[in-house]
Amino acid sequence: MTFDVSYSNRSKKFLKKADKVIVKRVIEKIEKLRKAPIIHDTKTVEGSKGLFRVRVGDYRILYEVNYRNNLIGIIKIDKKPRVYD
């Protein structure tokens, strides 16, 4: 079973502007999440219900999982200090 992925406008903007190498790594990580939304390096975001984060180098992908609709919502992709703003 694979999950569909929806991107927020913020994450689409990041993927358009970011360096191609970073974008490739981020997309590869998101493809892994489509197969299994909670992987070995997934962590929950403290203070928020149902929000997860996964690392890609210095970057973080914030996302939520909707099991009922088989959907992963990519909320934000950014460097560590900015991603939690």
PDB file of N, CA and C in Angstrom:
ATOM      1  N   MET A   1       0.838  -1.183   0.000  1.00  0.00           N
ATOM      2  CA  MET A   1       0.000   0.000   0.000  1.00  0.00           C
ATOM      3  C   MET A   1       0.887   1.253   0.000  1.00  0.00           C
ATOM      4  N   THR A   2       0.630   2.137  -0.940  1.00  0.00           N
ATOM      5  CA  THR A   2       1.372   3.399  -0.953  1.00  0.00           C
ATOM      6  C   THR A   2       0.431   4.554  -0.650  1.00  0.00           C
ATOM      7  N   PHE A   3       1.002   5.567  -0.079  1.00  0.00           N
ATOM      8  CA  PHE A   3       0.256   6.755   0.305  1.00  0.00           C
ATOM      9  C   PHE A   3       0.376   7.813  -0.788  1.00  0.00           C
ATOM     10  N   ASP A   4      -0.660   8.605  -0.961  1.00  0.00           N
ATOM     11  CA  ASP A   4      -0.573   9.777  -1.827  1.00  0.00           C
ATOM     12  C   ASP A   4       0.088  10.885  -1.021  1.00  0.00           C
ATOM     13  N   VAL A   5       0.672  11.844  -1.731  1.00  0.00           N
ATOM     14  CA  VAL A   5       1.345  12.949  -1.066  1.00  0.00           C
ATOM     15  C   VAL A   5       0.735  14.256  -1.544  1.00  0.00           C
ATOM     16  N   SER A   6       0.404  15.124  -0.590  1.00  0.00           N
ATOM     17  CA  SER A   6      -0.021  16.475  -0.966  1.00  0.00           C
ATOM     18  C   SER A   6       0.965  17.461  -0.352  1.00  0.00           C
ATOM     19  N   TYR A   7       1.306  18.475  -1.132  1.00  0.00           N
ATOM     20  CA  TYR A   7       2.293  19.463  -0.710  1.00  0.00           C
ATOM     21  C   TYR A   7       1.608  20.783  -0.385  1.00  0.00           C
ATOM     22  N   SER A   8       1.997  21.383   0.726  1.00  0.00           N
ATOM     23  CA  SER A   8       1.502  22.725   1.033  1.00  0.00           C
ATOM     24  C   SER A   8       2.161  23.713   0.067  1.00  0.00           C
ATOM     25  N   ASN A   9       1.598  24.902  -0.034  1.00  0.00           N
ATOM     26  CA  ASN A   9       2.194  25.918  -0.906  1.00  0.00           C
ATOM     27  C   ASN A   9       3.613  26.261  -0.467  1.00  0.00           C
ATOM     28  N   ARG A  10       3.843  26.268   0.846  1.00  0.00           N
ATOM     29  CA  ARG A  10       5.192  26.552   1.360  1.00  0.00           C
ATOM     30  C   ARG A  10       6.196  25.512   0.892  1.00  0.00           C
ATOM     31  N   SER A  11       5.801  24.236   0.956  1.00  0.00           N
ATOM     32  CA  SER A  11       6.754  23.193   0.568  1.00  0.00           C
ATOM     33  C   SER A  11       6.972  23.185  -0.949  1.00  0.00           C
ATOM     34  N   LYS A  12       5.939  23.502  -1.732  1.00  0.00           N
ATOM     35  CA  LYS A  12       6.115  23.616  -3.196  1.00  0.00           C
ATOM     36  C   LYS A  12       7.106  24.728  -3.522  1.00  0.00           C
ATOM     37  N   LYS A  13       6.977  25.848  -2.811  1.00  0.00           N
ATOM     38  CA  LYS A  13       7.859  26.993  -3.023  1.00  0.00           C
ATOM     39  C   LYS A  13       9.307  26.610  -2.709  1.00  0.00           C
ATOM     40  N   PHE A  14       9.498  25.885  -1.594  1.00  0.00           N
ATOM     41  CA  PHE A  14      10.846  25.437  -1.230  1.00  0.00           C
ATOM     42  C   PHE A  14      11.441  24.563  -2.331  1.00  0.00           C
ATOM     43  N   LEU A  15      10.650  23.609  -2.830  1.00  0.00           N
ATOM     44  CA  LEU A  15      11.158  22.680  -3.844  1.00  0.00           C
ATOM     45  C   LEU A  15      11.500  23.391  -5.152  1.00  0.00           C
ATOM     46  N   LYS A  16      10.808  24.474  -5.459  1.00  0.00           N
ATOM     47  CA  LYS A  16      11.128  25.245  -6.671  1.00  0.00           C
ATOM     48  C   LYS A  16      12.421  26.018  -6.527  1.00  0.00           C
ATOM     49  N   LYS A  17      12.671  26.558  -5.323  1.00  0.00           N
ATOM     50  CA  LYS A  17      13.808  27.454  -5.121  1.00  0.00           C
ATOM     51  C   LYS A  17      15.084  26.748  -4.684  1.00  0.00           C
ATOM     52  N   ALA A  18      14.967  25.597  -4.058  1.00  0.00           N
ATOM     53  CA  ALA A  18      16.129  24.949  -3.437  1.00  0.00           C
ATOM     54  C   ALA A  18      17.088  24.378  -4.486  1.00  0.00           C
ATOM     55  N   ASP A  19      18.294  24.123  -4.017  1.00  0.00           N
ATOM     56  CA  ASP A  19      19.334  23.512  -4.834  1.00  0.00           C
ATOM     57  C   ASP A  19      18.869  22.134  -5.326  1.00  0.00           C
ATOM     58  N   LYS A  20      19.182  21.820  -6.563  1.00  0.00           N
ATOM     59  CA  LYS A  20      18.708  20.575  -7.191  1.00  0.00           C
ATOM     60  C   LYS A  20      19.124  19.322  -6.414  1.00  0.00           C
ATOM     61  N   VAL A  21      20.323  19.338  -5.851  1.00  0.00           N
ATOM     62  CA  VAL A  21      20.814  18.176  -5.099  1.00  0.00           C
ATOM     63  C   VAL A  21      19.953  17.950  -3.857  1.00  0.00           C
ATOM     64  N   ILE A  22      19.629  19.040  -3.158  1.00  0.00           N
ATOM     65  CA  ILE A  22      18.781  18.953  -1.962  1.00  0.00           C
ATOM     66  C   ILE A  22      17.388  18.466  -2.354  1.00  0.00           C
ATOM     67  N   VAL A  23      16.843  19.031  -3.420  1.00  0.00           N
ATOM     68  CA  VAL A  23      15.499  18.649  -3.874  1.00  0.00           C
ATOM     69  C   VAL A  23      15.460  17.152  -4.181  1.00  0.00           C
ATOM     70  N   LYS A  24      16.480  16.641  -4.851  1.00  0.00           N
ATOM     71  CA  LYS A  24      16.538  15.212  -5.190  1.00  0.00           C
ATOM     72  C   LYS A  24      16.526  14.360  -3.924  1.00  0.00           C
ATOM     73  N   ARG A  25      17.311  14.751  -2.920  1.00  0.00           N
ATOM     74  CA  ARG A  25      17.360  13.994  -1.657  1.00  0.00           C
ATOM     75  C   ARG A  25      16.032  14.061  -0.913  1.00  0.00           C
ATOM     76  N   VAL A  26      15.403  15.236  -0.919  1.00  0.00           N
ATOM     77  CA  VAL A  26      14.108  15.408  -0.244  1.00  0.00           C
ATOM     78  C   VAL A  26      13.051  14.534  -0.920  1.00  0.00           C
ATOM     79  N   ILE A  27      13.012  14.544  -2.248  1.00  0.00           N
ATOM     80  CA  ILE A  27      12.030  13.742  -2.995  1.00  0.00           C
ATOM     81  C   ILE A  27      12.254  12.251  -2.732  1.00  0.00           C
ATOM     82  N   GLU A  28      13.526  11.827  -2.685  1.00  0.00           N
ATOM     83  CA  GLU A  28      13.824  10.419  -2.386  1.00  0.00           C
ATOM     84  C   GLU A  28      13.288  10.027  -1.010  1.00  0.00           C
ATOM     85  N   LYS A  29      13.445  10.912  -0.022  1.00  0.00           N
ATOM     86  CA  LYS A  29      12.962  10.635   1.333  1.00  0.00           C
ATOM     87  C   LYS A  29      11.434  10.570   1.344  1.00  0.00           C
ATOM     88  N   ILE A  30      10.790  11.477   0.612  1.00  0.00           N
ATOM     89  CA  ILE A  30       9.323  11.482   0.551  1.00  0.00           C
ATOM     90  C   ILE A  30       8.820  10.203  -0.122  1.00  0.00           C
ATOM     91  N   GLU A  31       9.547   9.716  -1.122  1.00  0.00           N
ATOM     92  CA  GLU A  31       9.165   8.450  -1.769  1.00  0.00           C
ATOM     93  C   GLU A  31       9.227   7.289  -0.770  1.00  0.00           C
ATOM     94  N   LYS A  32      10.220   7.306   0.124  1.00  0.00           N
ATOM     95  CA  LYS A  32      10.291   6.278   1.174  1.00  0.00           C
ATOM     96  C   LYS A  32       9.078   6.374   2.095  1.00  0.00           C
ATOM     97  N   LEU A  33       8.691   7.611   2.426  1.00  0.00           N
ATOM     98  CA  LEU A  33       7.542   7.821   3.314  1.00  0.00           C
ATOM     99  C   LEU A  33       6.252   7.320   2.673  1.00  0.00           C
ATOM    100  N   ARG A  34       6.160   7.401   1.350  1.00  0.00           N
ATOM    101  CA  ARG A  34       4.945   6.929   0.659  1.00  0.00           C
ATOM    102  C   ARG A  34       4.716   5.437   0.899  1.00  0.00           C
ATOM    103  N   LYS A  35       5.806   4.684   1.022  1.00  0.00           N
ATOM    104  CA  LYS A  35       5.685   3.239   1.266  1.00  0.00           C
ATOM    105  C   LYS A  35       5.393   2.941   2.735  1.00  0.00           C
ATOM    106  N   ALA A  36       6.034   3.709   3.625  1.00  0.00           N
ATOM    107  CA  ALA A  36       5.850   3.537   5.079  1.00  0.00           C
ATOM    108  C   ALA A  36       5.954   4.911   5.711  1.00  0.00           C
ATOM    109  N   PRO A  37       4.834   5.506   6.116  1.00  0.00           N
ATOM    110  CA  PRO A  37       4.867   6.896   6.586  1.00  0.00           C
ATOM    111  C   PRO A  37       5.660   7.142   7.867  1.00  0.00           C
ATOM    112  N   ILE A  38       5.908   6.100   8.637  1.00  0.00           N
ATOM    113  CA  ILE A  38       6.748   6.242   9.824  1.00  0.00           C
ATOM    114  C   ILE A  38       7.968   5.352   9.606  1.00  0.00           C
ATOM    115  N   ILE A  39       9.120   5.991   9.347  1.00  0.00           N
ATOM    116  CA  ILE A  39      10.348   5.226   9.100  1.00  0.00           C
ATOM    117  C   ILE A  39      11.287   5.368  10.296  1.00  0.00           C
ATOM    118  N   HIS A  40      12.437   4.700  10.239  1.00  0.00           N
ATOM    119  CA  HIS A  40      13.321   4.609  11.403  1.00  0.00           C
ATOM    120  C   HIS A  40      13.766   5.958  11.953  1.00  0.00           C
ATOM    121  N   ASP A  41      13.934   6.972  11.102  1.00  0.00           N
ATOM    122  CA  ASP A  41      14.407   8.265  11.627  1.00  0.00           C
ATOM    123  C   ASP A  41      13.290   9.303  11.769  1.00  0.00           C
ATOM    124  N   THR A  42      12.040   8.845  11.765  1.00  0.00           N
ATOM    125  CA  THR A  42      10.908   9.746  11.981  1.00  0.00           C
ATOM    126  C   THR A  42      10.795  10.073  13.464  1.00  0.00           C
ATOM    127  N   LYS A  43      10.547  11.333  13.755  1.00  0.00           N
ATOM    128  CA  LYS A  43      10.311  11.746  15.138  1.00  0.00           C
ATOM    129  C   LYS A  43       9.020  12.558  15.184  1.00  0.00           C
ATOM    130  N   THR A  44       8.346  12.517  16.329  1.00  0.00           N
ATOM    131  CA  THR A  44       7.155  13.354  16.474  1.00  0.00           C
ATOM    132  C   THR A  44       7.608  14.754  16.862  1.00  0.00           C
ATOM    133  N   VAL A  45       6.858  15.749  16.435  1.00  0.00           N
ATOM    134  CA  VAL A  45       7.180  17.134  16.778  1.00  0.00           C
ATOM    135  C   VAL A  45       6.522  17.439  18.111  1.00  0.00           C
ATOM    136  N   GLU A  46       7.345  17.841  19.082  1.00  0.00           N
ATOM    137  CA  GLU A  46       6.830  18.111  20.433  1.00  0.00           C
ATOM    138  C   GLU A  46       5.830  19.257  20.409  1.00  0.00           C
ATOM    139  N   GLY A  47       4.770  19.098  21.180  1.00  0.00           N
ATOM    140  CA  GLY A  47       3.784  20.158  21.311  1.00  0.00           C
ATOM    141  C   GLY A  47       2.783  20.243  20.178  1.00  0.00           C
ATOM    142  N   SER A  48       2.821  19.290  19.256  1.00  0.00           N
ATOM    143  CA  SER A  48       1.829  19.301  18.174  1.00  0.00           C
ATOM    144  C   SER A  48       1.334  17.876  17.959  1.00  0.00           C
ATOM    145  N   LYS A  49       0.057  17.739  17.861  1.00  0.00           N
ATOM    146  CA  LYS A  49      -0.544  16.413  17.755  1.00  0.00           C
ATOM    147  C   LYS A  49      -0.543  15.942  16.298  1.00  0.00           C
ATOM    148  N   GLY A  50       0.026  14.766  16.078  1.00  0.00           N
ATOM    149  CA  GLY A  50      -0.010  14.171  14.746  1.00  0.00           C
ATOM    150  C   GLY A  50       0.954  14.755  13.737  1.00  0.00           C
ATOM    151  N   LEU A  51       1.936  15.541  14.191  1.00  0.00           N
ATOM    152  CA  LEU A  51       2.917  16.120  13.269  1.00  0.00           C
ATOM    153  C   LEU A  51       4.241  15.380  13.434  1.00  0.00           C
ATOM    154  N   PHE A  52       4.836  15.003  12.311  1.00  0.00           N
ATOM    155  CA  PHE A  52       6.096  14.261  12.325  1.00  0.00           C
ATOM    156  C   PHE A  52       7.162  15.046  11.586  1.00  0.00           C
ATOM    157  N   ARG A  53       8.415  14.683  11.871  1.00  0.00           N
ATOM    158  CA  ARG A  53       9.515  15.282  11.125  1.00  0.00           C
ATOM    159  C   ARG A  53      10.534  14.210  10.788  1.00  0.00           C
ATOM    160  N   VAL A  54      11.189  14.441   9.663  1.00  0.00           N
ATOM    161  CA  VAL A  54      12.241  13.529   9.243  1.00  0.00           C
ATOM    162  C   VAL A  54      13.388  14.380   8.699  1.00  0.00           C
ATOM    163  N   ARG A  55      14.625  13.932   8.929  1.00  0.00           N
ATOM    164  CA  ARG A  55      15.809  14.694   8.527  1.00  0.00           C
ATOM    165  C   ARG A  55      16.265  14.325   7.132  1.00  0.00           C
ATOM    166  N   VAL A  56      16.761  15.348   6.428  1.00  0.00           N
ATOM    167  CA  VAL A  56      17.501  15.153   5.183  1.00  0.00           C
ATOM    168  C   VAL A  56      18.688  16.103   5.286  1.00  0.00           C
ATOM    169  N   GLY A  57      19.791  15.617   5.818  1.00  0.00           N
ATOM    170  CA  GLY A  57      20.952  16.478   6.064  1.00  0.00           C
ATOM    171  C   GLY A  57      20.595  17.560   7.069  1.00  0.00           C
ATOM    172  N   ASP A  58      20.831  18.832   6.686  1.00  0.00           N
ATOM    173  CA  ASP A  58      20.506  19.972   7.557  1.00  0.00           C
ATOM    174  C   ASP A  58      19.040  20.371   7.457  1.00  0.00           C
ATOM    175  N   TYR A  59      18.295  19.703   6.604  1.00  0.00           N
ATOM    176  CA  TYR A  59      16.898  20.061   6.361  1.00  0.00           C
ATOM    177  C   TYR A  59      15.947  19.142   7.114  1.00  0.00           C
ATOM    178  N   ARG A  60      14.746  19.647   7.347  1.00  0.00           N
ATOM    179  CA  ARG A  60      13.694  18.855   7.986  1.00  0.00           C
ATOM    180  C   ARG A  60      12.452  18.900   7.114  1.00  0.00           C
ATOM    181  N   ILE A  61      11.761  17.775   7.052  1.00  0.00           N
ATOM    182  CA  ILE A  61      10.467  17.699   6.378  1.00  0.00           C
ATOM    183  C   ILE A  61       9.429  17.520   7.481  1.00  0.00           C
ATOM    184  N   LEU A  62       8.511  18.466   7.602  1.00  0.00           N
ATOM    185  CA  LEU A  62       7.415  18.334   8.558  1.00  0.00           C
ATOM    186  C   LEU A  62       6.205  17.811   7.807  1.00  0.00           C
ATOM    187  N   TYR A  63       5.574  16.775   8.354  1.00  0.00           N
ATOM    188  CA  TYR A  63       4.432  16.197   7.652  1.00  0.00           C
ATOM    189  C   TYR A  63       3.439  15.581   8.621  1.00  0.00           C
ATOM    190  N   GLU A  64       2.244  15.353   8.106  1.00  0.00           N
ATOM    191  CA  GLU A  64       1.220  14.650   8.881  1.00  0.00           C
ATOM    192  C   GLU A  64       0.708  13.490   8.049  1.00  0.00           C
ATOM    193  N   VAL A  65       0.166  12.484   8.731  1.00  0.00           N
ATOM    194  CA  VAL A  65      -0.303  11.278   8.060  1.00  0.00           C
ATOM    195  C   VAL A  65      -1.801  11.114   8.305  1.00  0.00           C
ATOM    196  N   ASN A  66      -2.541  10.930   7.230  1.00  0.00           N
ATOM    197  CA  ASN A  66      -3.973  10.656   7.316  1.00  0.00           C
ATOM    198  C   ASN A  66      -4.175   9.214   6.840  1.00  0.00           C
ATOM    199  N   TYR A  67      -4.279   8.302   7.799  1.00  0.00           N
ATOM    200  CA  TYR A  67      -4.396   6.880   7.460  1.00  0.00           C
ATOM    201  C   TYR A  67      -5.730   6.562   6.799  1.00  0.00           C
ATOM    202  N   ARG A  68      -6.765   7.274   7.193  1.00  0.00           N
ATOM    203  CA  ARG A  68      -8.100   7.012   6.646  1.00  0.00           C
ATOM    204  C   ARG A  68      -8.137   7.235   5.132  1.00  0.00           C
ATOM    205  N   ASN A  69      -7.461   8.300   4.682  1.00  0.00           N
ATOM    206  CA  ASN A  69      -7.456   8.627   3.248  1.00  0.00           C
ATOM    207  C   ASN A  69      -6.152   8.255   2.550  1.00  0.00           C
ATOM    208  N   ASN A  70      -5.270   7.512   3.247  1.00  0.00           N
ATOM    209  CA  ASN A  70      -3.962   7.137   2.688  1.00  0.00           C
ATOM    210  C   ASN A  70      -3.224   8.346   2.127  1.00  0.00           C
ATOM    211  N   LEU A  71      -3.091   9.376   2.941  1.00  0.00           N
ATOM    212  CA  LEU A  71      -2.523  10.633   2.472  1.00  0.00           C
ATOM    213  C   LEU A  71      -1.448  11.130   3.432  1.00  0.00           C
ATOM    214  N   ILE A  72      -0.340  11.578   2.854  1.00  0.00           N
ATOM    215  CA  ILE A  72       0.711  12.240   3.616  1.00  0.00           C
ATOM    216  C   ILE A  72       0.698  13.698   3.199  1.00  0.00           C
ATOM    217  N   GLY A  73       0.543  14.581   4.166  1.00  0.00           N
ATOM    218  CA  GLY A  73       0.555  16.023   3.886  1.00  0.00           C
ATOM    219  C   GLY A  73       1.892  16.611   4.268  1.00  0.00           C
ATOM    220  N   ILE A  74       2.635  17.085   3.272  1.00  0.00           N
ATOM    221  CA  ILE A  74       3.921  17.728   3.531  1.00  0.00           C
ATOM    222  C   ILE A  74       3.624  19.176   3.909  1.00  0.00           C
ATOM    223  N   ILE A  75       3.890  19.524   5.160  1.00  0.00           N
ATOM    224  CA  ILE A  75       3.551  20.843   5.684  1.00  0.00           C
ATOM    225  C   ILE A  75       4.632  21.862   5.340  1.00  0.00           C
ATOM    226  N   LYS A  76       5.872  21.482   5.627  1.00  0.00           N
ATOM    227  CA  LYS A  76       6.961  22.443   5.462  1.00  0.00           C
ATOM    228  C   LYS A  76       8.278  21.714   5.278  1.00  0.00           C
ATOM    229  N   ILE A  77       9.157  22.276   4.463  1.00  0.00           N
ATOM    230  CA  ILE A  77      10.514  21.759   4.285  1.00  0.00           C
ATOM    231  C   ILE A  77      11.443  22.956   4.443  1.00  0.00           C
ATOM    232  N   ASP A  78      12.390  22.854   5.362  1.00  0.00           N
ATOM    233  CA  ASP A  78      13.315  23.976   5.560  1.00  0.00           C
ATOM    234  C   ASP A  78      14.489  23.534   6.423  1.00  0.00           C
ATOM    235  N   LYS A  79      15.445  24.430   6.593  1.00  0.00           N
ATOM    236  CA  LYS A  79      16.571  24.139   7.490  1.00  0.00           C
ATOM    237  C   LYS A  79      16.079  24.103   8.922  1.00  0.00           C
ATOM    238  N   LYS A  80      16.813  23.395   9.765  1.00  0.00           N
ATOM    239  CA  LYS A  80      16.375  23.130  11.127  1.00  0.00           C
ATOM    240  C   LYS A  80      15.883  24.357  11.911  1.00  0.00           C
ATOM    241  N   PRO A  81      16.659  25.448  11.991  1.00  0.00           N
ATOM    242  CA  PRO A  81      16.161  26.532  12.861  1.00  0.00           C
ATOM    243  C   PRO A  81      14.861  27.169  12.360  1.00  0.00           C
ATOM    244  N   ARG A  82      14.658  27.204  11.047  1.00  0.00           N
ATOM    245  CA  ARG A  82      13.487  27.896  10.489  1.00  0.00           C
ATOM    246  C   ARG A  82      12.250  27.032  10.391  1.00  0.00           C
ATOM    247  N   VAL A  83      12.430  25.721  10.348  1.00  0.00           N
ATOM    248  CA  VAL A  83      11.309  24.836  10.039  1.00  0.00           C
ATOM    249  C   VAL A  83      10.234  24.870  11.135  1.00  0.00           C
ATOM    250  N   TYR A  84      10.614  25.173  12.360  1.00  0.00           N
ATOM    251  CA  TYR A  84       9.656  25.127  13.461  1.00  0.00           C
ATOM    252  C   TYR A  84       8.943  26.457  13.713  1.00  0.00           C
ATOM    253  N   ASP A  85       9.283  27.492  12.937  1.00  0.00           N
ATOM    254  CA  ASP A  85       8.632  28.805  13.111  1.00  0.00           C
ATOM    255  C   ASP A  85       7.161  28.756  12.724  1.00  0.00           C
TER     256      ASP A  85
END
